Each structure stands twice: as C-alpha cells, then as structure tokens.
Amino acid sequence: MSTDSLIVQVVIAVTLLALLALGVAAGFRRWRHSRARRRVVRAVESISLAALRDIILPDGSGGHLHVDFLLMTGRGLLVIDLRDVAGVVFGGEHMHEWTVMNGIERSTFLNPLEALYDRVAAVRMLAGDVPVEGRIVFTERGRFPKGRPPKVTQLSALAAEFPALGPEAASAAQERCHEAWDEISKLAEPSPLARR
C-alpha cells in the first residue's frame, strides 16, 4: 500500500470520526434540551387538575391567540405564558420593553404582560362565571434582582401560589369548572407556535 493511499484512508477515518463526534454532541444537546423542557412542562402541569398546552383560542375579534398553557386549578382557570430566558431580567408593569442581561450580552423583549392580559380576556370570554387568572412564569434561569412585576412569578414559586388540593376540593373544583373547560377544549386547536 502506498503512502499516499494510507494518508487518504487516515484523512477519511479522521473525518468520519469527527462527523460522528459532532453528531453525538448534537444529539446529546438535543436530548438534554428535550429533557429540560419535559421537566418544565411537568412542573407547570403539576399544579393543575387538567391542562391544555400550546393551543390557539379565538380572541373574540375574529382572530386567534396562542396560549402556552391553560390549566384548571382549584381557583379556576389559569393562563400561563412561559418564559425561559437566561440572565438578569429588568421589567416593570408599565415598561414598553424588558431587558435581559446575561454576562456581557444584552437583549430586550416586549412587555409580556400586555399579551397576557389579552389572553386572559379571551379565556374569560369563553369561561363564563369561572374565575380566570394569568401569570408570566419564568424558569429559574431568569432572575429579577429589582423585584418581579405583578402577575410574574418563578416556576419554583408556582406550586406555592397554586397549592395541590385534597380529593374533595379537587372534585369540587372540577365540577365548578367542567362545563367551561369542556367548551374551551372543543374550541382549542394545536398552535403552530408550539415549542419542542
């Protein structure tokens, strides 16, 4: 075997090993992201008696609104807008944009409360007499050193705010909400904005 053909075989083998390593690394990142997402979804849905995720609902004006989570809780229905941002978050109820600082990186996003209020209003229109609340829920990757605006909470605090119910209370809550929940469930469609 010539030296040139041996070099070509070594180059091909090294290239294949490098591609295999990149594929394994990408697969591992995807698996880790998927596992983290499932953990967050379980934590959100653990406070509910029933849950709808990544749906669109009619907004009452001929359009539709995306809803990350709609939960049936002991207090009624709960609309959740989930945010998974890494860094320090600065935002206020009346600020147009909120800022995220992550090391030297700085980014902004529109105040999510306005959209939450629209989603809550759309669900209230469909829910009749059932109470409807809304929360912007940040994962633990986001921190609020200057305090959180109203209707904003951390994922870790959600269970304390909406504690689990005993069997009798859960049954009563389901009875109170079932008619509105069934109606909303019929109208809900899968959202094209669903996160994977």
C-alpha atoms as a PDB file:
ATOM      1  CA  MET A   1       0.000   0.000   0.000  1.00  0.00           C
ATOM      2  CA  SER A   2       1.409   3.366  -0.959  1.00  0.00           C
ATOM      3  CA  THR A   3       1.982   6.190   1.479  1.00  0.00           C
ATOM      4  CA  ASP A   4      -0.468   8.409  -0.411  1.00  0.00           C
ATOM      5  CA  SER A   5      -3.288   5.873  -0.156  1.00  0.00           C
ATOM      6  CA  LEU A   6      -2.564   5.379   3.547  1.00  0.00           C
ATOM      7  CA  ILE A   7      -2.763   9.168   4.118  1.00  0.00           C
ATOM      8  CA  VAL A   8      -6.099   9.299   2.250  1.00  0.00           C
ATOM      9  CA  GLN A   9      -7.500   6.475   4.384  1.00  0.00           C
ATOM     10  CA  VAL A  10      -6.340   8.181   7.596  1.00  0.00           C
ATOM     11  CA  VAL A  11      -7.886  11.504   6.477  1.00  0.00           C
ATOM     12  CA  ILE A  12     -11.185   9.743   5.664  1.00  0.00           C
ATOM     13  CA  ALA A  13     -11.167   7.900   9.001  1.00  0.00           C
ATOM     14  CA  VAL A  14     -10.427  11.091  10.956  1.00  0.00           C
ATOM     15  CA  THR A  15     -13.139  12.958   9.036  1.00  0.00           C
ATOM     16  CA  LEU A  16     -15.691  10.227   9.736  1.00  0.00           C
ATOM     17  CA  LEU A  17     -14.758  10.169  13.420  1.00  0.00           C
ATOM     18  CA  ALA A  18     -15.082  13.962  13.603  1.00  0.00           C
ATOM     19  CA  LEU A  19     -18.517  13.830  11.935  1.00  0.00           C
ATOM     20  CA  LEU A  20     -19.587  11.056  14.291  1.00  0.00           C
ATOM     21  CA  ALA A  21     -18.418  13.085  17.313  1.00  0.00           C
ATOM     22  CA  LEU A  22     -20.323  16.170  16.066  1.00  0.00           C
ATOM     23  CA  GLY A  23     -23.448  14.058  15.553  1.00  0.00           C
ATOM     24  CA  VAL A  24     -23.209  12.565  19.042  1.00  0.00           C
ATOM     25  CA  ALA A  25     -22.661  16.022  20.568  1.00  0.00           C
ATOM     26  CA  ALA A  26     -25.648  17.475  18.691  1.00  0.00           C
ATOM     27  CA  GLY A  27     -27.830  14.533  19.698  1.00  0.00           C
ATOM     28  CA  PHE A  28     -26.793  14.899  23.325  1.00  0.00           C
ATOM     29  CA  ARG A  29     -27.614  18.653  23.308  1.00  0.00           C
ATOM     30  CA  ARG A  30     -30.992  17.948  21.744  1.00  0.00           C
ATOM     31  CA  TRP A  31     -31.736  15.197  24.303  1.00  0.00           C
ATOM     32  CA  ARG A  32     -30.676  17.459  27.188  1.00  0.00           C
ATOM     33  CA  HIS A  33     -32.852  20.326  25.894  1.00  0.00           C
ATOM     34  CA  SER A  34     -35.805  17.972  25.435  1.00  0.00           C
ATOM     35  CA  ARG A  35     -35.369  16.549  28.957  1.00  0.00           C
ATOM     36  CA  ALA A  36     -35.211  20.060  30.458  1.00  0.00           C
ATOM     37  CA  ARG A  37     -38.343  21.076  28.531  1.00  0.00           C
ATOM     38  CA  ARG A  38     -40.232  17.992  29.782  1.00  0.00           C
ATOM     39  CA  ARG A  39     -39.186  18.815  33.344  1.00  0.00           C
ATOM     40  CA  VAL A  40     -40.531  22.369  32.998  1.00  0.00           C
ATOM     41  CA  VAL A  41     -43.794  21.142  31.456  1.00  0.00           C
ATOM     42  CA  ARG A  42     -44.271  18.635  34.300  1.00  0.00           C
ATOM     43  CA  ALA A  43     -43.632  21.351  36.893  1.00  0.00           C
ATOM     44  CA  VAL A  44     -46.198  23.673  35.303  1.00  0.00           C
ATOM     45  CA  GLU A  45     -48.828  20.986  34.817  1.00  0.00           C
ATOM     46  CA  SER A  46     -48.317  19.572  38.333  1.00  0.00           C
ATOM     47  CA  ILE A  47     -50.445  22.366  39.794  1.00  0.00           C
ATOM     48  CA  SER A  48     -53.414  21.555  37.556  1.00  0.00           C
ATOM     49  CA  LEU A  49     -56.409  19.292  37.594  1.00  0.00           C
ATOM     50  CA  ALA A  50     -56.396  19.388  33.778  1.00  0.00           C
ATOM     51  CA  ALA A  51     -54.107  21.068  31.259  1.00  0.00           C
ATOM     52  CA  LEU A  52     -54.032  22.251  27.661  1.00  0.00           C
ATOM     53  CA  ARG A  53     -50.651  23.140  26.182  1.00  0.00           C
ATOM     54  CA  ASP A  54     -49.599  25.080  23.073  1.00  0.00           C
ATOM     55  CA  ILE A  55     -53.076  25.885  21.792  1.00  0.00           C
ATOM     56  CA  ILE A  56     -54.777  28.681  19.927  1.00  0.00           C
ATOM     57  CA  LEU A  57     -58.114  30.077  21.053  1.00  0.00           C
ATOM     58  CA  PRO A  58     -60.485  32.591  19.459  1.00  0.00           C
ATOM     59  CA  ASP A  59     -59.775  36.146  20.641  1.00  0.00           C
ATOM     60  CA  GLY A  60     -63.347  37.441  20.265  1.00  0.00           C
ATOM     61  CA  SER A  61     -62.392  39.733  17.366  1.00  0.00           C
ATOM     62  CA  GLY A  62     -62.235  37.159  14.606  1.00  0.00           C
ATOM     63  CA  GLY A  63     -58.612  36.233  15.290  1.00  0.00           C
ATOM     64  CA  HIS A  64     -56.799  33.716  17.429  1.00  0.00           C
ATOM     65  CA  LEU A  65     -54.315  33.888  20.303  1.00  0.00           C
ATOM     66  CA  HIS A  66     -51.575  31.422  21.175  1.00  0.00           C
ATOM     67  CA  VAL A  67     -51.683  30.126  24.757  1.00  0.00           C
ATOM     68  CA  ASP A  68     -48.653  28.312  26.197  1.00  0.00           C
ATOM     69  CA  PHE A  69     -50.656  26.647  28.998  1.00  0.00           C
ATOM     70  CA  LEU A  70     -54.280  26.756  30.108  1.00  0.00           C
ATOM     71  CA  LEU A  71     -54.723  24.996  33.433  1.00  0.00           C
ATOM     72  CA  MET A  72     -57.707  24.080  35.545  1.00  0.00           C
ATOM     73  CA  THR A  73     -56.755  24.783  39.158  1.00  0.00           C
ATOM     74  CA  GLY A  74     -58.583  24.873  42.467  1.00  0.00           C
ATOM     75  CA  ARG A  75     -59.101  28.626  41.965  1.00  0.00           C
ATOM     76  CA  GLY A  76     -60.460  28.384  38.415  1.00  0.00           C
ATOM     77  CA  LEU A  77     -58.623  28.640  35.112  1.00  0.00           C
ATOM     78  CA  LEU A  78     -55.041  29.816  34.811  1.00  0.00           C
ATOM     79  CA  VAL A  79     -53.389  31.145  31.652  1.00  0.00           C
ATOM     80  CA  ILE A  80     -49.601  30.750  31.713  1.00  0.00           C
ATOM     81  CA  ASP A  81     -47.121  32.425  29.410  1.00  0.00           C
ATOM     82  CA  LEU A  82     -43.851  30.541  29.940  1.00  0.00           C
ATOM     83  CA  ARG A  83     -40.520  32.358  29.564  1.00  0.00           C
ATOM     84  CA  ASP A  84     -37.194  30.572  29.587  1.00  0.00           C
ATOM     85  CA  VAL A  85     -34.572  33.310  29.414  1.00  0.00           C
ATOM     86  CA  ALA A  86     -31.123  33.148  30.948  1.00  0.00           C
ATOM     87  CA  GLY A  87     -29.850  36.133  32.879  1.00  0.00           C
ATOM     88  CA  VAL A  88     -30.964  39.066  34.956  1.00  0.00           C
ATOM     89  CA  VAL A  89     -34.347  40.455  33.921  1.00  0.00           C
ATOM     90  CA  PHE A  90     -35.342  44.090  34.384  1.00  0.00           C
ATOM     91  CA  GLY A  91     -39.004  44.792  33.717  1.00  0.00           C
ATOM     92  CA  GLY A  92     -41.992  46.617  35.070  1.00  0.00           C
ATOM     93  CA  GLU A  93     -45.732  46.594  34.549  1.00  0.00           C
ATOM     94  CA  HIS A  94     -45.721  49.871  32.609  1.00  0.00           C
ATOM     95  CA  MET A  95     -42.411  49.497  30.757  1.00  0.00           C
ATOM     96  CA  HIS A  96     -42.711  49.001  26.993  1.00  0.00           C
ATOM     97  CA  GLU A  97     -39.653  46.708  26.800  1.00  0.00           C
ATOM     98  CA  TRP A  98     -37.964  44.455  29.316  1.00  0.00           C
ATOM     99  CA  THR A  99     -34.225  43.870  29.330  1.00  0.00           C
ATOM    100  CA  VAL A 100     -32.229  40.694  29.924  1.00  0.00           C
ATOM    101  CA  MET A 101     -28.558  40.925  30.895  1.00  0.00           C
ATOM    102  CA  ASN A 102     -26.590  37.688  30.613  1.00  0.00           C
ATOM    103  CA  GLY A 103     -22.923  38.387  31.193  1.00  0.00           C
ATOM    104  CA  ILE A 104     -21.948  40.916  28.551  1.00  0.00           C
ATOM    105  CA  GLU A 105     -24.953  40.081  26.361  1.00  0.00           C
ATOM    106  CA  ARG A 106     -27.962  42.405  26.487  1.00  0.00           C
ATOM    107  CA  SER A 107     -31.311  41.774  24.814  1.00  0.00           C
ATOM    108  CA  THR A 108     -34.806  43.202  25.052  1.00  0.00           C
ATOM    109  CA  PHE A 109     -38.304  41.867  24.511  1.00  0.00           C
ATOM    110  CA  LEU A 110     -41.745  43.461  24.556  1.00  0.00           C
ATOM    111  CA  ASN A 111     -43.514  43.652  27.901  1.00  0.00           C
ATOM    112  CA  PRO A 112     -45.256  40.250  28.060  1.00  0.00           C
ATOM    113  CA  LEU A 113     -47.990  41.469  30.411  1.00  0.00           C
ATOM    114  CA  GLU A 114     -49.972  43.178  27.647  1.00  0.00           C
ATOM    115  CA  ALA A 115     -50.239  39.937  25.663  1.00  0.00           C
ATOM    116  CA  LEU A 116     -51.077  38.027  28.861  1.00  0.00           C
ATOM    117  CA  TYR A 117     -53.954  40.404  29.601  1.00  0.00           C
ATOM    118  CA  ASP A 118     -55.301  39.794  26.072  1.00  0.00           C
ATOM    119  CA  ARG A 119     -55.089  36.018  26.556  1.00  0.00           C
ATOM    120  CA  VAL A 120     -56.805  36.200  29.941  1.00  0.00           C
ATOM    121  CA  ALA A 121     -59.589  38.368  28.461  1.00  0.00           C
ATOM    122  CA  ALA A 122     -60.121  35.858  25.625  1.00  0.00           C
ATOM    123  CA  VAL A 123     -60.345  32.942  28.078  1.00  0.00           C
ATOM    124  CA  ARG A 124     -62.695  34.918  30.361  1.00  0.00           C
ATOM    125  CA  MET A 125     -64.991  35.494  27.403  1.00  0.00           C
ATOM    126  CA  LEU A 126     -65.183  31.722  26.909  1.00  0.00           C
ATOM    127  CA  ALA A 127     -65.231  30.703  30.595  1.00  0.00           C
ATOM    128  CA  GLY A 128     -68.460  32.368  31.700  1.00  0.00           C
ATOM    129  CA  ASP A 129     -68.580  32.612  35.515  1.00  0.00           C
ATOM    130  CA  VAL A 130     -65.413  30.584  36.133  1.00  0.00           C
ATOM    131  CA  PRO A 131     -62.600  32.760  37.532  1.00  0.00           C
ATOM    132  CA  VAL A 132     -59.641  33.214  35.165  1.00  0.00           C
ATOM    133  CA  GLU A 133     -56.170  34.351  36.189  1.00  0.00           C
ATOM    134  CA  GLY A 134     -52.933  34.753  34.295  1.00  0.00           C
ATOM    135  CA  ARG A 135     -49.224  34.510  35.082  1.00  0.00           C
ATOM    136  CA  ILE A 136     -45.970  35.061  33.256  1.00  0.00           C
ATOM    137  CA  VAL A 137     -43.801  32.205  34.555  1.00  0.00           C
ATOM    138  CA  PHE A 138     -40.027  32.440  34.267  1.00  0.00           C
ATOM    139  CA  THR A 139     -37.819  29.400  34.694  1.00  0.00           C
ATOM    140  CA  GLU A 140     -35.029  29.579  37.245  1.00  0.00           C
ATOM    141  CA  ARG A 141     -32.573  30.650  34.537  1.00  0.00           C
ATOM    142  CA  GLY A 142     -34.075  34.165  34.746  1.00  0.00           C
ATOM    143  CA  ARG A 143     -33.654  36.297  37.879  1.00  0.00           C
ATOM    144  CA  PHE A 144     -35.329  39.554  38.960  1.00  0.00           C
ATOM    145  CA  PRO A 145     -32.903  41.438  41.241  1.00  0.00           C
ATOM    146  CA  LYS A 146     -35.141  44.535  41.390  1.00  0.00           C
ATOM    147  CA  GLY A 147     -38.315  42.582  42.127  1.00  0.00           C
ATOM    148  CA  ARG A 148     -40.922  40.967  39.899  1.00  0.00           C
ATOM    149  CA  PRO A 149     -43.800  42.891  38.330  1.00  0.00           C
ATOM    150  CA  PRO A 150     -47.372  41.845  39.207  1.00  0.00           C
ATOM    151  CA  LYS A 151     -48.579  38.610  37.594  1.00  0.00           C
ATOM    152  CA  VAL A 152     -44.958  37.478  37.122  1.00  0.00           C
ATOM    153  CA  THR A 153     -43.610  34.507  39.049  1.00  0.00           C
ATOM    154  CA  GLN A 154     -40.813  31.957  39.008  1.00  0.00           C
ATOM    155  CA  LEU A 155     -41.506  28.331  38.162  1.00  0.00           C
ATOM    156  CA  SER A 156     -40.304  27.288  41.626  1.00  0.00           C
ATOM    157  CA  ALA A 157     -42.936  29.519  43.305  1.00  0.00           C
ATOM    158  CA  LEU A 158     -45.879  28.380  41.188  1.00  0.00           C
ATOM    159  CA  ALA A 159     -46.787  25.378  43.356  1.00  0.00           C
ATOM    160  CA  ALA A 160     -46.855  27.545  46.490  1.00  0.00           C
ATOM    161  CA  GLU A 161     -49.154  30.045  44.806  1.00  0.00           C
ATOM    162  CA  PHE A 162     -51.469  27.312  43.474  1.00  0.00           C
ATOM    163  CA  PRO A 163     -51.203  24.500  46.048  1.00  0.00           C
ATOM    164  CA  ALA A 164     -52.393  20.961  45.428  1.00  0.00           C
ATOM    165  CA  LEU A 165     -55.933  20.160  46.515  1.00  0.00           C
ATOM    166  CA  GLY A 166     -57.238  17.274  48.536  1.00  0.00           C
ATOM    167  CA  PRO A 167     -59.571  14.820  46.800  1.00  0.00           C
ATOM    168  CA  GLU A 168     -62.817  16.513  47.886  1.00  0.00           C
ATOM    169  CA  ALA A 169     -61.650  20.021  46.994  1.00  0.00           C
ATOM    170  CA  ALA A 170     -60.280  18.788  43.647  1.00  0.00           C
ATOM    171  CA  SER A 171     -63.604  17.140  42.831  1.00  0.00           C
ATOM    172  CA  ALA A 172     -65.500  20.310  43.723  1.00  0.00           C
ATOM    173  CA  ALA A 173     -63.154  22.433  41.596  1.00  0.00           C
ATOM    174  CA  GLN A 174     -63.554  20.094  38.627  1.00  0.00           C
ATOM    175  CA  GLU A 175     -67.323  20.201  38.997  1.00  0.00           C
ATOM    176  CA  ARG A 176     -67.265  24.013  39.134  1.00  0.00           C
ATOM    177  CA  CYS A 177     -65.069  24.303  36.017  1.00  0.00           C
ATOM    178  CA  HIS A 178     -66.045  21.303  33.901  1.00  0.00           C
ATOM    179  CA  GLU A 179     -68.627  22.997  31.663  1.00  0.00           C
ATOM    180  CA  ALA A 180     -66.346  25.925  30.788  1.00  0.00           C
ATOM    181  CA  TRP A 181     -63.358  23.583  30.419  1.00  0.00           C
ATOM    182  CA  ASP A 182     -65.229  21.300  28.023  1.00  0.00           C
ATOM    183  CA  GLU A 183     -66.325  24.263  25.897  1.00  0.00           C
ATOM    184  CA  ILE A 184     -62.823  25.740  25.746  1.00  0.00           C
ATOM    185  CA  SER A 185     -61.306  22.318  24.990  1.00  0.00           C
ATOM    186  CA  LYS A 186     -63.619  21.986  21.978  1.00  0.00           C
ATOM    187  CA  LEU A 187     -62.521  25.374  20.640  1.00  0.00           C
ATOM    188  CA  ALA A 188     -58.808  24.847  21.269  1.00  0.00           C
ATOM    189  CA  GLU A 189     -56.657  23.960  18.282  1.00  0.00           C
ATOM    190  CA  PRO A 190     -52.982  22.960  18.204  1.00  0.00           C
ATOM    191  CA  SER A 191     -50.784  26.016  17.866  1.00  0.00           C
ATOM    192  CA  PRO A 192     -48.236  26.351  15.075  1.00  0.00           C
ATOM    193  CA  LEU A 193     -46.104  28.223  17.641  1.00  0.00           C
ATOM    194  CA  ALA A 194     -45.700  25.154  19.858  1.00  0.00           C
ATOM    195  CA  ARG A 195     -42.214  24.787  21.372  1.00  0.00           C
ATOM    196  CA  ARG A 196     -40.476  21.471  21.095  1.00  0.00           C
END
